[in-house]
Amino acid sequence: MLLSPMSGNEVRATGHVRQSGNGMCFTRREAMALGFCLCCLPDRGQAARPSGIKDVGNGIFIREAPHEEATRRNRGGIANIGFIIGRDGVLVTDPGGSLADGRWLRSEIKIRTTKRVRYVVMSHVHPDHCLGAAAFGDEVPVFLGHHRLKNALHARGDFYRERLAEVLERDDVGEIIYPNQEVEHAAEVDLGDRIIRMMAHGRAHTDCDLTMLDVTTGTLFPSDLLFVDRVPSLDGSLLGWLAEVERLRQIRPARAVPGHGPAIVAFEPAMAKQVEYLTALADQTRQAIARGLTLNDALPAVTAGKGGGWALYEAYHERNVIQAYKELEWE
């Protein structure tokens, strides 16, 4: 149930801060063994810098990111990030993939408004979406996240930072910023003349996905619950992801800002293509399990999405099969 609007620049969120143990550093091999998602992590190649901010109308500005791994040249800027300008302040829709990326985003905000950044939303744990948060610390915003995000950052944050530091200058990586307001079910923030509704999701792309709806324009910010052109990366629950998609469809948004892909898309056609891939992944994985195929034998047998024009398909599809197989073999 969504909560009623609050006045001013307050945020209303259910739940409480959840604690976990100390962060730990892992090698890449150890991370794979522990099931960490290695999507959105650096490689040592070079790639183009992220493109500039696009004005998509009504005070919404989005950086349309390239379909790449994080590199020194792109500064970890490989996710769609941006901001919404309201009467009383600015909300950052995701702060970027490194301190350097976050600083770049902050400079783009300053070009367009003198209003203070009041809210920074961290949509989930993956580094390309949240490691830029430290760039906004001195503005003392509300850092918003899913109620499971803090635990996820405790578990993975040091690993993500160390991997990014292998490619970027360490001073460009940034510190881990934890949410100081958590959303357990739903929440709203008021930018003065527009309401932004937050929805915390069950285990889907990750176990800490948070989406937003700009009520004024009907624009949905599903973050990585929607991939366009780039193959989806599964780091949570395949069946959960399909279920959460149906929750988003009930909103009937006119348009959406995907976590990866064009800056703005018509929601339903874009989501339909992703659902086609995820459904085929589930169906083909079940068929492989029913045939008694081992995981290794299932990898080449599950070809969902092959030839569909998905960017980075070879890099991520196999891991999606592994995740799907582990989830579905005991259903």
C-alpha atoms as a PDB file:
ATOM      1  CA  MET A   1       0.000   0.000   0.000  1.00  0.00           C
ATOM      2  CA  LEU A   2       1.432   3.380  -0.992  1.00  0.00           C
ATOM      3  CA  LEU A   3       1.601   5.993   1.704  1.00  0.00           C
ATOM      4  CA  SER A   4      -0.024   9.390   1.468  1.00  0.00           C
ATOM      5  CA  PRO A   5       2.117  12.400   0.516  1.00  0.00           C
ATOM      6  CA  MET A   6       4.018  14.292   3.172  1.00  0.00           C
ATOM      7  CA  SER A   7       4.557  18.016   3.098  1.00  0.00           C
ATOM      8  CA  GLY A   8       7.821  19.776   2.439  1.00  0.00           C
ATOM      9  CA  ASN A   9      10.854  17.678   1.681  1.00  0.00           C
ATOM     10  CA  GLU A  10      10.238  14.832   4.088  1.00  0.00           C
ATOM     11  CA  VAL A  11      10.241  11.184   3.217  1.00  0.00           C
ATOM     12  CA  ARG A  12       7.968   8.619   4.763  1.00  0.00           C
ATOM     13  CA  ALA A  13       9.213   5.040   4.744  1.00  0.00           C
ATOM     14  CA  THR A  14       8.337   1.939   6.668  1.00  0.00           C
ATOM     15  CA  GLY A  15      10.831  -0.382   8.326  1.00  0.00           C
ATOM     16  CA  HIS A  16      13.998   0.141  10.277  1.00  0.00           C
ATOM     17  CA  VAL A  17      17.740  -0.014   9.766  1.00  0.00           C
ATOM     18  CA  ARG A  18      18.963  -3.583   9.592  1.00  0.00           C
ATOM     19  CA  GLN A  19      22.432  -4.431  10.736  1.00  0.00           C
ATOM     20  CA  SER A  20      24.859  -7.028   9.409  1.00  0.00           C
ATOM     21  CA  GLY A  21      28.463  -8.037   9.921  1.00  0.00           C
ATOM     22  CA  ASN A  22      31.588  -6.304   8.683  1.00  0.00           C
ATOM     23  CA  GLY A  23      32.284  -5.988   4.964  1.00  0.00           C
ATOM     24  CA  MET A  24      34.718  -8.484   3.466  1.00  0.00           C
ATOM     25  CA  CYS A  25      37.041  -8.514   0.472  1.00  0.00           C
ATOM     26  CA  PHE A  26      36.914 -11.400  -1.984  1.00  0.00           C
ATOM     27  CA  THR A  27      38.842 -12.465  -5.016  1.00  0.00           C
ATOM     28  CA  ARG A  28      36.873 -12.831  -8.234  1.00  0.00           C
ATOM     29  CA  ARG A  29      36.973 -16.632  -7.937  1.00  0.00           C
ATOM     30  CA  GLU A  30      35.768 -16.504  -4.336  1.00  0.00           C
ATOM     31  CA  ALA A  31      32.996 -14.160  -5.367  1.00  0.00           C
ATOM     32  CA  MET A  32      31.814 -16.573  -8.042  1.00  0.00           C
ATOM     33  CA  ALA A  33      31.796 -19.390  -5.503  1.00  0.00           C
ATOM     34  CA  LEU A  34      29.688 -17.268  -3.148  1.00  0.00           C
ATOM     35  CA  GLY A  35      27.250 -16.422  -5.923  1.00  0.00           C
ATOM     36  CA  PHE A  36      28.054 -12.708  -6.200  1.00  0.00           C
ATOM     37  CA  CYS A  37      26.882 -11.114  -9.389  1.00  0.00           C
ATOM     38  CA  LEU A  38      29.918 -10.046 -11.420  1.00  0.00           C
ATOM     39  CA  CYS A  39      27.879  -7.984 -13.836  1.00  0.00           C
ATOM     40  CA  CYS A  40      28.770  -4.308 -14.032  1.00  0.00           C
ATOM     41  CA  LEU A  41      32.317  -4.924 -12.805  1.00  0.00           C
ATOM     42  CA  PRO A  42      35.450  -3.543 -14.450  1.00  0.00           C
ATOM     43  CA  ASP A  43      37.635  -4.937 -17.142  1.00  0.00           C
ATOM     44  CA  ARG A  44      40.971  -3.560 -18.242  1.00  0.00           C
ATOM     45  CA  GLY A  45      39.936  -2.631 -21.740  1.00  0.00           C
ATOM     46  CA  GLN A  46      39.197   0.876 -22.946  1.00  0.00           C
ATOM     47  CA  ALA A  47      35.837   2.184 -24.052  1.00  0.00           C
ATOM     48  CA  ALA A  48      34.182   5.486 -24.855  1.00  0.00           C
ATOM     49  CA  ARG A  49      33.223   7.891 -22.095  1.00  0.00           C
ATOM     50  CA  PRO A  50      29.538   7.971 -21.161  1.00  0.00           C
ATOM     51  CA  SER A  51      27.437  10.276 -23.301  1.00  0.00           C
ATOM     52  CA  GLY A  52      25.955  13.473 -21.959  1.00  0.00           C
ATOM     53  CA  ILE A  53      22.730  14.145 -20.127  1.00  0.00           C
ATOM     54  CA  LYS A  54      19.493  14.076 -22.124  1.00  0.00           C
ATOM     55  CA  ASP A  55      16.574  16.336 -21.271  1.00  0.00           C
ATOM     56  CA  VAL A  56      13.563  14.011 -21.592  1.00  0.00           C
ATOM     57  CA  GLY A  57      11.107  16.717 -20.538  1.00  0.00           C
ATOM     58  CA  ASN A  58       9.327  18.020 -17.443  1.00  0.00           C
ATOM     59  CA  GLY A  59      12.479  18.458 -15.388  1.00  0.00           C
ATOM     60  CA  ILE A  60      13.789  14.917 -15.938  1.00  0.00           C
ATOM     61  CA  PHE A  61      17.378  14.487 -17.132  1.00  0.00           C
ATOM     62  CA  ILE A  62      18.935  11.112 -17.941  1.00  0.00           C
ATOM     63  CA  ARG A  63      22.443   9.941 -18.886  1.00  0.00           C
ATOM     64  CA  GLU A  64      22.031   7.207 -21.501  1.00  0.00           C
ATOM     65  CA  ALA A  65      24.954   4.893 -20.808  1.00  0.00           C
ATOM     66  CA  PRO A  66      26.870   2.665 -23.231  1.00  0.00           C
ATOM     67  CA  HIS A  67      26.510  -1.121 -23.187  1.00  0.00           C
ATOM     68  CA  GLU A  68      29.978  -1.788 -21.783  1.00  0.00           C
ATOM     69  CA  GLU A  69      31.885  -3.116 -18.830  1.00  0.00           C
ATOM     70  CA  ALA A  70      33.335  -0.544 -16.428  1.00  0.00           C
ATOM     71  CA  THR A  71      36.686   0.801 -17.646  1.00  0.00           C
ATOM     72  CA  ARG A  72      39.061   3.622 -16.800  1.00  0.00           C
ATOM     73  CA  ARG A  73      37.803   5.598 -19.754  1.00  0.00           C
ATOM     74  CA  ASN A  74      34.098   5.377 -18.905  1.00  0.00           C
ATOM     75  CA  ARG A  75      34.748   5.787 -15.152  1.00  0.00           C
ATOM     76  CA  GLY A  76      32.240   3.090 -14.312  1.00  0.00           C
ATOM     77  CA  GLY A  77      29.509   5.097 -16.021  1.00  0.00           C
ATOM     78  CA  ILE A  78      27.653   2.175 -17.599  1.00  0.00           C
ATOM     79  CA  ALA A  79      24.143   2.577 -16.150  1.00  0.00           C
ATOM     80  CA  ASN A  80      21.400   5.050 -16.922  1.00  0.00           C
ATOM     81  CA  ILE A  81      21.459   7.644 -14.165  1.00  0.00           C
ATOM     82  CA  GLY A  82      19.967  11.101 -13.814  1.00  0.00           C
ATOM     83  CA  PHE A  83      17.900  13.515 -11.786  1.00  0.00           C
ATOM     84  CA  ILE A  84      14.500  15.158 -11.390  1.00  0.00           C
ATOM     85  CA  ILE A  85      14.233  18.878 -10.659  1.00  0.00           C
ATOM     86  CA  GLY A  86      11.263  19.943  -8.537  1.00  0.00           C
ATOM     87  CA  ARG A  87      10.196  23.256  -7.092  1.00  0.00           C
ATOM     88  CA  ASP A  88      12.025  22.719  -3.807  1.00  0.00           C
ATOM     89  CA  GLY A  89      14.995  20.591  -4.779  1.00  0.00           C
ATOM     90  CA  VAL A  90      16.506  17.788  -6.792  1.00  0.00           C
ATOM     91  CA  LEU A  91      16.172  14.009  -6.585  1.00  0.00           C
ATOM     92  CA  VAL A  92      18.992  11.871  -8.030  1.00  0.00           C
ATOM     93  CA  THR A  93      17.576   8.750  -9.661  1.00  0.00           C
ATOM     94  CA  ASP A  94      20.830   6.764  -9.192  1.00  0.00           C
ATOM     95  CA  PRO A  95      24.210   8.341  -8.358  1.00  0.00           C
ATOM     96  CA  GLY A  96      26.463   6.421 -10.785  1.00  0.00           C
ATOM     97  CA  GLY A  97      29.170   3.811 -10.894  1.00  0.00           C
ATOM     98  CA  SER A  98      32.078   5.506  -9.100  1.00  0.00           C
ATOM     99  CA  LEU A  99      32.947   8.646  -7.192  1.00  0.00           C
ATOM    100  CA  ALA A 100      34.198  10.126 -10.471  1.00  0.00           C
ATOM    101  CA  ASP A 101      30.932   9.250 -12.195  1.00  0.00           C
ATOM    102  CA  GLY A 102      28.924  10.740  -9.342  1.00  0.00           C
ATOM    103  CA  ARG A 103      30.961  13.940  -9.447  1.00  0.00           C
ATOM    104  CA  TRP A 104      30.294  14.184 -13.165  1.00  0.00           C
ATOM    105  CA  LEU A 105      26.571  13.804 -12.528  1.00  0.00           C
ATOM    106  CA  ARG A 106      26.664  16.427  -9.808  1.00  0.00           C
ATOM    107  CA  SER A 107      28.384  18.862 -12.185  1.00  0.00           C
ATOM    108  CA  GLU A 108      25.629  18.265 -14.734  1.00  0.00           C
ATOM    109  CA  ILE A 109      23.031  19.086 -12.092  1.00  0.00           C
ATOM    110  CA  LYS A 110      24.824  22.324 -11.182  1.00  0.00           C
ATOM    111  CA  ILE A 111      24.788  23.408 -14.828  1.00  0.00           C
ATOM    112  CA  ARG A 112      20.990  23.203 -14.849  1.00  0.00           C
ATOM    113  CA  THR A 113      19.883  24.360 -11.412  1.00  0.00           C
ATOM    114  CA  THR A 114      21.062  26.004  -8.209  1.00  0.00           C
ATOM    115  CA  LYS A 115      18.631  23.918  -6.156  1.00  0.00           C
ATOM    116  CA  ARG A 116      20.064  21.543  -3.590  1.00  0.00           C
ATOM    117  CA  VAL A 117      20.123  17.791  -4.043  1.00  0.00           C
ATOM    118  CA  ARG A 118      17.691  16.667  -1.350  1.00  0.00           C
ATOM    119  CA  TYR A 119      17.339  12.976  -2.213  1.00  0.00           C
ATOM    120  CA  VAL A 120      19.689  10.379  -3.657  1.00  0.00           C
ATOM    121  CA  VAL A 121      17.991   7.118  -4.567  1.00  0.00           C
ATOM    122  CA  MET A 122      20.145   3.976  -4.719  1.00  0.00           C
ATOM    123  CA  SER A 123      18.010   1.530  -6.673  1.00  0.00           C
ATOM    124  CA  HIS A 124      19.972  -1.619  -5.762  1.00  0.00           C
ATOM    125  CA  VAL A 125      23.380  -2.946  -4.741  1.00  0.00           C
ATOM    126  CA  HIS A 126      25.174  -3.212  -8.092  1.00  0.00           C
ATOM    127  CA  PRO A 127      28.145  -0.872  -8.271  1.00  0.00           C
ATOM    128  CA  ASP A 128      27.224   0.879 -11.525  1.00  0.00           C
ATOM    129  CA  HIS A 129      24.125   2.228  -9.777  1.00  0.00           C
ATOM    130  CA  CYS A 130      25.305   3.119  -6.279  1.00  0.00           C
ATOM    131  CA  LEU A 131      29.067   3.730  -5.978  1.00  0.00           C
ATOM    132  CA  GLY A 132      28.721   7.381  -6.988  1.00  0.00           C
ATOM    133  CA  ALA A 133      26.713   8.258  -3.885  1.00  0.00           C
ATOM    134  CA  ALA A 134      29.696   9.691  -1.992  1.00  0.00           C
ATOM    135  CA  ALA A 135      29.870  12.567  -4.501  1.00  0.00           C
ATOM    136  CA  PHE A 136      26.721  14.012  -2.917  1.00  0.00           C
ATOM    137  CA  GLY A 137      27.640  13.606   0.746  1.00  0.00           C
ATOM    138  CA  ASP A 138      28.388  17.246   1.506  1.00  0.00           C
ATOM    139  CA  GLU A 139      24.892  18.265   0.413  1.00  0.00           C
ATOM    140  CA  VAL A 140      23.572  16.054   3.222  1.00  0.00           C
ATOM    141  CA  PRO A 141      20.712  14.552   1.222  1.00  0.00           C
ATOM    142  CA  VAL A 142      18.423  11.740   2.245  1.00  0.00           C
ATOM    143  CA  PHE A 143      19.971   8.552   0.843  1.00  0.00           C
ATOM    144  CA  LEU A 144      17.079   6.262  -0.003  1.00  0.00           C
ATOM    145  CA  GLY A 145      17.262   2.517  -0.501  1.00  0.00           C
ATOM    146  CA  HIS A 146      15.486  -0.802  -0.123  1.00  0.00           C
ATOM    147  CA  HIS A 147      15.435  -2.132   3.434  1.00  0.00           C
ATOM    148  CA  ARG A 148      17.776  -4.943   2.350  1.00  0.00           C
ATOM    149  CA  LEU A 149      20.282  -2.654   0.625  1.00  0.00           C
ATOM    150  CA  LYS A 150      22.411  -2.032   3.706  1.00  0.00           C
ATOM    151  CA  ASN A 151      22.992  -5.747   4.268  1.00  0.00           C
ATOM    152  CA  ALA A 152      23.795  -6.224   0.592  1.00  0.00           C
ATOM    153  CA  LEU A 153      26.334  -3.393   0.680  1.00  0.00           C
ATOM    154  CA  HIS A 154      27.914  -4.860   3.818  1.00  0.00           C
ATOM    155  CA  ALA A 155      28.316  -8.195   2.052  1.00  0.00           C
ATOM    156  CA  ARG A 156      29.494  -6.951  -1.337  1.00  0.00           C
ATOM    157  CA  GLY A 157      30.636  -3.360  -1.072  1.00  0.00           C
ATOM    158  CA  ASP A 158      34.310  -3.969  -0.300  1.00  0.00           C
ATOM    159  CA  PHE A 159      34.574  -6.521  -3.083  1.00  0.00           C
ATOM    160  CA  TYR A 160      33.013  -4.143  -5.604  1.00  0.00           C
ATOM    161  CA  ARG A 161      35.306  -1.298  -4.522  1.00  0.00           C
ATOM    162  CA  GLU A 162      38.449  -3.411  -4.761  1.00  0.00           C
ATOM    163  CA  ARG A 163      37.536  -4.636  -8.215  1.00  0.00           C
ATOM    164  CA  LEU A 164      36.834  -1.099  -9.401  1.00  0.00           C
ATOM    165  CA  ALA A 165      40.116   0.127  -7.893  1.00  0.00           C
ATOM    166  CA  GLU A 166      41.965  -2.333 -10.139  1.00  0.00           C
ATOM    167  CA  VAL A 167      40.885  -0.198 -13.095  1.00  0.00           C
ATOM    168  CA  LEU A 168      40.253   3.339 -11.828  1.00  0.00           C
ATOM    169  CA  GLU A 169      42.448   5.506  -9.661  1.00  0.00           C
ATOM    170  CA  ARG A 170      41.623   4.527  -6.088  1.00  0.00           C
ATOM    171  CA  ASP A 171      40.605   8.115  -5.281  1.00  0.00           C
ATOM    172  CA  ASP A 172      38.012   7.910  -8.063  1.00  0.00           C
ATOM    173  CA  VAL A 173      36.297   4.830  -6.650  1.00  0.00           C
ATOM    174  CA  GLY A 174      34.499   6.345  -3.669  1.00  0.00           C
ATOM    175  CA  GLU A 175      33.369   5.137  -0.272  1.00  0.00           C
ATOM    176  CA  ILE A 176      30.331   2.991   0.372  1.00  0.00           C
ATOM    177  CA  ILE A 177      27.318   5.090   1.334  1.00  0.00           C
ATOM    178  CA  TYR A 178      24.500   3.360   3.195  1.00  0.00           C
ATOM    179  CA  PRO A 179      20.868   4.444   3.013  1.00  0.00           C
ATOM    180  CA  ASN A 180      19.760   6.613   5.904  1.00  0.00           C
ATOM    181  CA  GLN A 181      16.106   6.104   5.009  1.00  0.00           C
ATOM    182  CA  GLU A 182      14.916   2.618   4.109  1.00  0.00           C
ATOM    183  CA  VAL A 183      11.797   1.593   2.231  1.00  0.00           C
ATOM    184  CA  GLU A 184      10.243  -1.651   3.407  1.00  0.00           C
ATOM    185  CA  HIS A 185       7.093  -1.581   1.303  1.00  0.00           C
ATOM    186  CA  ALA A 186       6.352   1.849  -0.162  1.00  0.00           C
ATOM    187  CA  ALA A 187       7.118   5.514   0.405  1.00  0.00           C
ATOM    188  CA  GLU A 188       6.660   8.929  -1.155  1.00  0.00           C
ATOM    189  CA  VAL A 189       8.803  12.026  -1.374  1.00  0.00           C
ATOM    190  CA  ASP A 190       7.595  15.489  -2.277  1.00  0.00           C
ATOM    191  CA  LEU A 191       9.836  17.755  -4.335  1.00  0.00           C
ATOM    192  CA  GLY A 192       7.477  20.647  -3.701  1.00  0.00           C
ATOM    193  CA  ASP A 193       5.337  20.367  -6.781  1.00  0.00           C
ATOM    194  CA  ARG A 194       5.658  16.688  -7.657  1.00  0.00           C
ATOM    195  CA  ILE A 195       5.328  13.398  -5.819  1.00  0.00           C
ATOM    196  CA  ILE A 196       7.770  10.535  -6.376  1.00  0.00           C
ATOM    197  CA  ARG A 197       6.445   7.145  -5.261  1.00  0.00           C
ATOM    198  CA  MET A 198       8.880   4.416  -4.203  1.00  0.00           C
ATOM    199  CA  MET A 199       8.199   0.686  -4.284  1.00  0.00           C
ATOM    200  CA  ALA A 200      10.369  -1.945  -2.595  1.00  0.00           C
ATOM    201  CA  HIS A 201      10.334  -5.246  -4.467  1.00  0.00           C
ATOM    202  CA  GLY A 202      10.759  -8.862  -3.514  1.00  0.00           C
ATOM    203  CA  ARG A 203      13.752 -10.831  -4.729  1.00  0.00           C
ATOM    204  CA  ALA A 204      13.998 -10.234  -8.486  1.00  0.00           C
ATOM    205  CA  HIS A 205      16.958  -8.744 -10.378  1.00  0.00           C
ATOM    206  CA  THR A 206      18.585  -8.572  -6.924  1.00  0.00           C
ATOM    207  CA  ASP A 207      17.167  -8.936  -3.418  1.00  0.00           C
ATOM    208  CA  CYS A 208      17.046  -5.154  -2.907  1.00  0.00           C
ATOM    209  CA  ASP A 209      15.363  -3.595  -5.962  1.00  0.00           C
ATOM    210  CA  LEU A 210      13.678  -0.225  -5.499  1.00  0.00           C
ATOM    211  CA  THR A 211      11.632   1.455  -8.233  1.00  0.00           C
ATOM    212  CA  MET A 212      10.138   4.940  -8.536  1.00  0.00           C
ATOM    213  CA  LEU A 213       7.173   6.556 -10.251  1.00  0.00           C
ATOM    214  CA  ASP A 214       7.090  10.261 -11.043  1.00  0.00           C
ATOM    215  CA  VAL A 215       3.370  10.852 -10.591  1.00  0.00           C
ATOM    216  CA  THR A 216       3.382  14.167 -12.463  1.00  0.00           C
ATOM    217  CA  THR A 217       4.541  12.681 -15.760  1.00  0.00           C
ATOM    218  CA  GLY A 218       3.640   9.004 -15.328  1.00  0.00           C
ATOM    219  CA  THR A 219       7.308   8.121 -15.803  1.00  0.00           C
ATOM    220  CA  LEU A 220       8.456   4.880 -14.197  1.00  0.00           C
ATOM    221  CA  PHE A 221      12.056   4.406 -13.071  1.00  0.00           C
ATOM    222  CA  PRO A 222      12.331   0.595 -12.856  1.00  0.00           C
ATOM    223  CA  SER A 223      16.136   0.671 -12.840  1.00  0.00           C
ATOM    224  CA  ASP A 224      17.438  -2.842 -13.576  1.00  0.00           C
ATOM    225  CA  LEU A 225      14.028  -4.445 -13.391  1.00  0.00           C
ATOM    226  CA  LEU A 226      13.997  -3.315 -17.035  1.00  0.00           C
ATOM    227  CA  PHE A 227      16.865  -3.879 -19.472  1.00  0.00           C
ATOM    228  CA  VAL A 228      16.464  -2.633 -23.036  1.00  0.00           C
ATOM    229  CA  ASP A 229      18.837  -3.829 -25.782  1.00  0.00           C
ATOM    230  CA  ARG A 230      21.334  -5.164 -23.200  1.00  0.00           C
ATOM    231  CA  VAL A 231      20.668  -8.720 -22.018  1.00  0.00           C
ATOM    232  CA  PRO A 232      19.162  -8.821 -18.504  1.00  0.00           C
ATOM    233  CA  SER A 233      21.473 -10.016 -15.735  1.00  0.00           C
ATOM    234  CA  LEU A 234      19.982 -12.294 -13.093  1.00  0.00           C
ATOM    235  CA  ASP A 235      21.300 -11.888  -9.557  1.00  0.00           C
ATOM    236  CA  GLY A 236      18.202 -12.701  -7.558  1.00  0.00           C
ATOM    237  CA  SER A 237      15.194 -14.805  -8.493  1.00  0.00           C
ATOM    238  CA  LEU A 238      14.002 -15.513 -12.020  1.00  0.00           C
ATOM    239  CA  LEU A 239      10.470 -16.329 -10.908  1.00  0.00           C
ATOM    240  CA  GLY A 240      10.496 -13.391  -8.531  1.00  0.00           C
ATOM    241  CA  TRP A 241      11.545 -11.066 -11.339  1.00  0.00           C
ATOM    242  CA  LEU A 242       8.643 -12.201 -13.499  1.00  0.00           C
ATOM    243  CA  ALA A 243       6.281 -11.670 -10.566  1.00  0.00           C
ATOM    244  CA  GLU A 244       7.583  -8.174  -9.855  1.00  0.00           C
ATOM    245  CA  VAL A 245       7.171  -7.256 -13.524  1.00  0.00           C
ATOM    246  CA  GLU A 246       3.458  -7.907 -13.114  1.00  0.00           C
ATOM    247  CA  ARG A 247       3.368  -5.494 -10.166  1.00  0.00           C
ATOM    248  CA  LEU A 248       4.948  -2.837 -12.361  1.00  0.00           C
ATOM    249  CA  ARG A 249       2.512  -3.523 -15.174  1.00  0.00           C
ATOM    250  CA  GLN A 250      -0.383  -2.805 -12.812  1.00  0.00           C
ATOM    251  CA  ILE A 251       0.882   0.779 -12.560  1.00  0.00           C
ATOM    252  CA  ARG A 252       0.330   1.176 -16.326  1.00  0.00           C
ATOM    253  CA  PRO A 253       3.117   3.726 -16.791  1.00  0.00           C
ATOM    254  CA  ALA A 254       3.179   5.649 -20.037  1.00  0.00           C
ATOM    255  CA  ARG A 255       6.948   5.576 -20.295  1.00  0.00           C
ATOM    256  CA  ALA A 256       9.973   4.286 -18.446  1.00  0.00           C
ATOM    257  CA  VAL A 257      13.657   4.963 -17.853  1.00  0.00           C
ATOM    258  CA  PRO A 258      15.362   1.537 -18.005  1.00  0.00           C
ATOM    259  CA  GLY A 259      18.466   0.750 -16.006  1.00  0.00           C
ATOM    260  CA  HIS A 260      20.252   0.066 -19.289  1.00  0.00           C
ATOM    261  CA  GLY A 261      19.166   1.098 -22.758  1.00  0.00           C
ATOM    262  CA  PRO A 262      17.663   4.251 -24.281  1.00  0.00           C
ATOM    263  CA  ALA A 263      17.083   7.141 -21.903  1.00  0.00           C
ATOM    264  CA  ILE A 264      13.308   6.837 -22.265  1.00  0.00           C
ATOM    265  CA  VAL A 265      11.127   4.097 -23.748  1.00  0.00           C
ATOM    266  CA  ALA A 266       7.484   3.135 -24.091  1.00  0.00           C
ATOM    267  CA  PHE A 267       7.089   0.843 -21.109  1.00  0.00           C
ATOM    268  CA  GLU A 268       5.005  -2.076 -22.332  1.00  0.00           C
ATOM    269  CA  PRO A 269       6.807  -2.949 -25.609  1.00  0.00           C
ATOM    270  CA  ALA A 270      10.187  -2.751 -23.877  1.00  0.00           C
ATOM    271  CA  MET A 271       9.056  -4.874 -20.948  1.00  0.00           C
ATOM    272  CA  ALA A 272       7.406  -7.401 -23.247  1.00  0.00           C
ATOM    273  CA  LYS A 273      10.721  -8.175 -24.946  1.00  0.00           C
ATOM    274  CA  GLN A 274      12.460  -8.663 -21.610  1.00  0.00           C
ATOM    275  CA  VAL A 275       9.651 -10.901 -20.338  1.00  0.00           C
ATOM    276  CA  GLU A 276       9.964 -12.978 -23.506  1.00  0.00           C
ATOM    277  CA  TYR A 277      13.635 -13.597 -22.687  1.00  0.00           C
ATOM    278  CA  LEU A 278      13.051 -14.332 -18.995  1.00  0.00           C
ATOM    279  CA  THR A 279      10.134 -16.643 -19.746  1.00  0.00           C
ATOM    280  CA  ALA A 280      12.131 -18.558 -22.343  1.00  0.00           C
ATOM    281  CA  LEU A 281      15.008 -18.812 -19.870  1.00  0.00           C
ATOM    282  CA  ALA A 282      12.670 -20.339 -17.294  1.00  0.00           C
ATOM    283  CA  ASP A 283      10.962 -22.698 -19.763  1.00  0.00           C
ATOM    284  CA  GLN A 284      14.164 -23.978 -21.351  1.00  0.00           C
ATOM    285  CA  THR A 285      15.882 -24.423 -17.999  1.00  0.00           C
ATOM    286  CA  ARG A 286      12.951 -26.455 -16.711  1.00  0.00           C
ATOM    287  CA  GLN A 287      13.089 -28.596 -19.854  1.00  0.00           C
ATOM    288  CA  ALA A 288      16.806 -29.219 -19.353  1.00  0.00           C
ATOM    289  CA  ILE A 289      16.216 -30.241 -15.734  1.00  0.00           C
ATOM    290  CA  ALA A 290      13.328 -32.519 -16.737  1.00  0.00           C
ATOM    291  CA  ARG A 291      15.630 -34.221 -19.251  1.00  0.00           C
ATOM    292  CA  GLY A 292      18.092 -34.935 -16.456  1.00  0.00           C
ATOM    293  CA  LEU A 293      20.787 -32.634 -17.829  1.00  0.00           C
ATOM    294  CA  THR A 294      23.518 -31.589 -15.435  1.00  0.00           C
ATOM    295  CA  LEU A 295      24.215 -27.909 -15.056  1.00  0.00           C
ATOM    296  CA  ASN A 296      27.222 -28.145 -17.386  1.00  0.00           C
ATOM    297  CA  ASP A 297      25.134 -29.872 -20.027  1.00  0.00           C
ATOM    298  CA  ALA A 298      22.308 -27.376 -19.606  1.00  0.00           C
ATOM    299  CA  LEU A 299      24.517 -24.382 -20.372  1.00  0.00           C
ATOM    300  CA  PRO A 300      24.692 -24.953 -24.154  1.00  0.00           C
ATOM    301  CA  ALA A 301      21.134 -26.333 -24.273  1.00  0.00           C
ATOM    302  CA  VAL A 302      19.441 -23.209 -22.908  1.00  0.00           C
ATOM    303  CA  THR A 303      19.613 -20.745 -25.773  1.00  0.00           C
ATOM    304  CA  ALA A 304      16.913 -18.267 -24.745  1.00  0.00           C
ATOM    305  CA  GLY A 305      17.449 -14.929 -26.441  1.00  0.00           C
ATOM    306  CA  LYS A 306      20.219 -16.114 -28.736  1.00  0.00           C
ATOM    307  CA  GLY A 307      20.120 -14.178 -31.985  1.00  0.00           C
ATOM    308  CA  GLY A 308      17.779 -11.629 -30.441  1.00  0.00           C
ATOM    309  CA  GLY A 309      20.224  -8.764 -30.746  1.00  0.00           C
ATOM    310  CA  TRP A 310      20.945  -8.481 -27.024  1.00  0.00           C
ATOM    311  CA  ALA A 311      24.166  -6.601 -26.272  1.00  0.00           C
ATOM    312  CA  LEU A 312      26.644  -8.454 -24.018  1.00  0.00           C
ATOM    313  CA  TYR A 313      24.718 -11.689 -24.497  1.00  0.00           C
ATOM    314  CA  GLU A 314      27.834 -13.878 -24.449  1.00  0.00           C
ATOM    315  CA  ALA A 315      29.067 -12.195 -21.277  1.00  0.00           C
ATOM    316  CA  TYR A 316      25.922 -12.667 -19.185  1.00  0.00           C
ATOM    317  CA  HIS A 317      23.551 -15.281 -20.580  1.00  0.00           C
ATOM    318  CA  GLU A 318      25.527 -18.257 -19.293  1.00  0.00           C
ATOM    319  CA  ARG A 319      25.497 -16.898 -15.775  1.00  0.00           C
ATOM    320  CA  ASN A 320      21.754 -16.355 -16.087  1.00  0.00           C
ATOM    321  CA  VAL A 321      21.391 -20.047 -16.923  1.00  0.00           C
ATOM    322  CA  ILE A 322      23.428 -20.994 -13.862  1.00  0.00           C
ATOM    323  CA  GLN A 323      21.246 -18.840 -11.614  1.00  0.00           C
ATOM    324  CA  ALA A 324      18.050 -20.157 -13.183  1.00  0.00           C
ATOM    325  CA  TYR A 325      19.161 -23.781 -12.896  1.00  0.00           C
ATOM    326  CA  LYS A 326      20.015 -23.407  -9.198  1.00  0.00           C
ATOM    327  CA  GLU A 327      16.623 -21.832  -8.534  1.00  0.00           C
ATOM    328  CA  LEU A 328      14.477 -24.203 -10.584  1.00  0.00           C
ATOM    329  CA  GLU A 329      16.057 -27.588  -9.938  1.00  0.00           C
ATOM    330  CA  TRP A 330      14.269 -27.903  -6.575  1.00  0.00           C
ATOM    331  CA  GLU A 331      10.889 -26.385  -7.441  1.00  0.00           C
END
